[in-house]
Amino acid sequence: MTIIYVLIPLGLMLLAAAVWAFFWAVRNGQFDDLETPAWRILMDDDSKPPPEG
């Protein structure tokens, strides 16, 4: 029963840290553009393929 006195504050501290990290990421623009990095890897083919034969 006494472990609850440790686990509840620990859980609340972890929750507070996760909420803080989320709002920090939002403030710093981590979620501004979610589509461009996925397309960039497909469009970043500047080199020509090697000649065959």
Protein backbone atom coordinates (compact mmCIF):
# COMPACT_ATOMS: atom_id res chain seq x y z
CA MET A 1 0.00 0.00 0.00
CA THR A 2 2.85 2.41 0.67
CA ILE A 3 4.16 1.98 -2.88
CA ILE A 4 1.13 3.97 -4.07
CA TYR A 5 2.56 7.00 -2.25
CA VAL A 6 5.60 6.71 -4.52
CA LEU A 7 3.95 5.68 -7.79
CA ILE A 8 1.25 8.36 -7.93
CA PRO A 9 3.65 11.34 -7.61
CA LEU A 10 6.09 9.63 -9.98
CA GLY A 11 3.32 9.13 -12.54
CA LEU A 12 2.23 12.74 -12.19
CA MET A 13 5.80 13.95 -12.69
CA LEU A 14 6.17 11.83 -15.83
CA LEU A 15 2.86 13.15 -17.13
CA ALA A 16 3.95 16.73 -16.46
CA ALA A 17 7.25 16.10 -18.27
CA ALA A 18 5.44 14.65 -21.29
CA VAL A 19 3.02 17.59 -21.47
CA TRP A 20 5.91 20.05 -21.14
CA ALA A 21 7.86 18.27 -23.92
CA PHE A 22 4.83 18.33 -26.21
CA PHE A 23 4.21 22.06 -25.75
CA TRP A 24 7.93 22.79 -26.10
CA ALA A 25 7.95 20.93 -29.44
CA VAL A 26 4.88 22.81 -30.64
CA ARG A 27 6.39 26.18 -29.68
CA ASN A 28 9.64 25.38 -31.50
CA GLY A 29 7.93 24.42 -34.75
CA GLN A 30 8.48 20.68 -34.71
CA PHE A 31 5.00 20.04 -36.10
CA ASP A 32 4.80 22.89 -38.62
CA ASP A 33 5.39 20.93 -41.82
CA LEU A 34 4.77 17.20 -41.71
CA GLU A 35 4.55 16.49 -45.45
CA THR A 36 7.63 18.10 -46.99
CA PRO A 37 10.25 15.83 -45.36
CA ALA A 38 8.43 12.78 -46.70
CA TRP A 39 8.38 14.20 -50.24
CA ARG A 40 11.93 15.53 -50.10
CA ILE A 41 13.47 12.07 -50.13
CA LEU A 42 11.54 11.21 -53.28
CA MET A 43 12.38 14.45 -55.10
CA ASP A 44 16.08 14.56 -54.15
CA ASP A 45 17.36 12.57 -57.12
CA ASP A 46 19.61 15.08 -58.89
CA SER A 47 22.10 12.61 -60.31
CA LYS A 48 21.57 10.84 -63.61
CA PRO A 49 21.46 7.04 -63.65
CA PRO A 50 24.63 5.33 -64.89
CA PRO A 51 24.69 4.51 -68.62
CA GLU A 52 23.84 0.94 -69.51
CA GLY A 53 26.08 -1.24 -71.57
